[in-house]
Amino acid sequence: MDSSKAQEELNKIGIGNKVEIWGGFDGFPAHTNRIEKLLSFDTTSVTVERPTGRGLEGRQESEVLYYSAIFSIKKPETTEPREALGGLFRGKL
C-alpha cells in the first residue's frame, strides 16, 4: 500500500481505536485480515496490539506491519474477529 494513502487512512481512524488491516502477512500467500488496536504509525509501518500472546509481566505485546505487505486499511464495520462471524467475509475490501 502507498505510504501516503496508508497514513491518511490511519489519521482518520486515530491512535487507540480499532483498525482493520488486510494484507499478505502471517506467512499466508492469500489475503488475511486483522482487527486490532492502533498503537502508532510512521512513514513505513503501522504498529498494532499483537493478536496473541503477552509479554513480560502480562503486558500486551505490539506488532509492526509494513505498508509493503498491506493491501487495505479501514475502520472496521465490527470489532468482532472474523472467526466469530463464522469465518466468512461478506464485505468489500
Protein backbone atom coordinates (compact mmCIF):
# COMPACT_ATOMS: atom_id res chain seq x y z
CA MET A 1 0.00 0.00 0.00
CA ASP A 2 1.18 3.52 -0.72
CA SER A 3 2.67 5.14 2.40
CA SER A 4 0.81 8.45 1.94
CA LYS A 5 -2.56 6.73 1.48
CA ALA A 6 -1.94 4.46 4.47
CA GLN A 7 -1.04 7.37 6.75
CA GLU A 8 -4.09 9.31 5.55
CA GLU A 9 -6.40 6.41 6.46
CA LEU A 10 -4.69 5.86 9.82
CA ASN A 11 -5.02 9.56 10.68
CA LYS A 12 -8.78 9.30 10.06
CA ILE A 13 -9.07 6.26 12.35
CA GLY A 14 -6.90 7.64 15.16
CA ILE A 15 -4.45 6.16 17.64
CA GLY A 16 -6.12 3.95 20.25
CA ASN A 17 -9.03 2.93 18.01
CA LYS A 18 -9.58 -0.38 16.25
CA VAL A 19 -8.28 -0.67 12.69
CA GLU A 20 -8.97 -3.35 10.07
CA ILE A 21 -5.89 -4.25 8.05
CA TRP A 22 -5.88 -6.58 5.04
CA GLY A 23 -2.59 -7.85 3.69
CA GLY A 24 -0.25 -10.63 2.74
CA PHE A 25 1.27 -11.21 6.16
CA ASP A 26 1.17 -14.07 8.70
CA GLY A 27 3.04 -16.35 6.30
CA PHE A 28 -0.01 -16.89 4.10
CA PRO A 29 0.05 -16.17 0.35
CA ALA A 30 -3.63 -15.17 0.34
CA HIS A 31 -5.17 -12.05 1.83
CA THR A 32 -5.63 -12.19 5.58
CA ASN A 33 -7.05 -9.57 7.89
CA ARG A 34 -6.59 -8.19 11.35
CA ILE A 35 -8.84 -6.06 13.52
CA GLU A 36 -6.51 -4.66 16.15
CA LYS A 37 -5.98 -1.60 18.32
CA LEU A 38 -3.88 1.03 16.52
CA LEU A 39 -0.86 1.94 18.65
CA SER A 40 1.25 4.07 16.28
CA PHE A 41 2.36 4.55 12.68
CA ASP A 42 5.13 6.23 10.71
CA THR A 43 6.26 6.57 7.09
CA THR A 44 6.96 2.83 6.61
CA SER A 45 4.81 0.86 9.04
CA VAL A 46 1.92 0.62 11.46
CA THR A 47 2.12 -0.81 14.98
CA VAL A 48 -0.88 -2.69 16.40
CA GLU A 49 -1.52 -4.76 19.50
CA ARG A 50 -0.29 -8.26 18.88
CA PRO A 51 -3.27 -10.56 18.31
CA THR A 52 -1.95 -13.35 20.55
CA GLY A 53 0.44 -13.67 23.43
CA ARG A 54 1.56 -11.44 26.20
CA GLY A 55 4.98 -10.13 27.05
CA LEU A 56 6.72 -9.91 30.38
CA GLU A 57 4.56 -9.00 33.35
CA GLY A 58 1.42 -9.88 31.36
CA ARG A 59 1.52 -6.76 29.20
CA GLN A 60 0.09 -6.93 25.69
CA GLU A 61 2.82 -7.03 23.05
CA SER A 62 2.82 -4.97 19.87
CA GLU A 63 3.42 -5.98 16.26
CA VAL A 64 4.81 -3.94 13.37
CA LEU A 65 3.19 -4.38 9.93
CA TYR A 66 4.89 -2.79 6.93
CA TYR A 67 2.86 -0.92 4.30
CA SER A 68 4.51 -3.01 1.57
CA ALA A 69 2.59 -6.06 2.89
CA ILE A 70 -0.72 -4.20 3.39
CA PHE A 71 -3.47 -4.04 0.75
CA SER A 72 -6.19 -2.17 2.63
CA ILE A 73 -6.64 -0.14 5.83
CA LYS A 74 -10.04 0.95 7.09
CA LYS A 75 -12.17 1.49 10.16
CA PRO A 76 -13.80 -1.87 10.94
CA GLU A 77 -17.54 -2.33 10.50
CA THR A 78 -17.40 -4.53 13.60
CA THR A 79 -14.75 -5.18 16.20
CA GLU A 80 -15.54 -8.90 16.30
CA PRO A 81 -12.84 -11.15 14.83
CA ARG A 82 -13.83 -12.76 11.53
CA GLU A 83 -13.76 -16.18 13.21
CA ALA A 84 -16.63 -15.03 15.45
CA LEU A 85 -18.60 -14.25 12.30
CA GLY A 86 -18.29 -17.81 11.03
CA GLY A 87 -15.04 -17.15 9.20
CA LEU A 88 -16.85 -15.68 6.21
CA PHE A 89 -16.08 -12.25 4.84
CA ARG A 90 -19.16 -10.71 3.26
CA GLY A 91 -17.99 -7.12 2.90
CA LYS A 92 -15.85 -5.34 0.35
CA LEU A 93 -12.17 -4.52 0.54
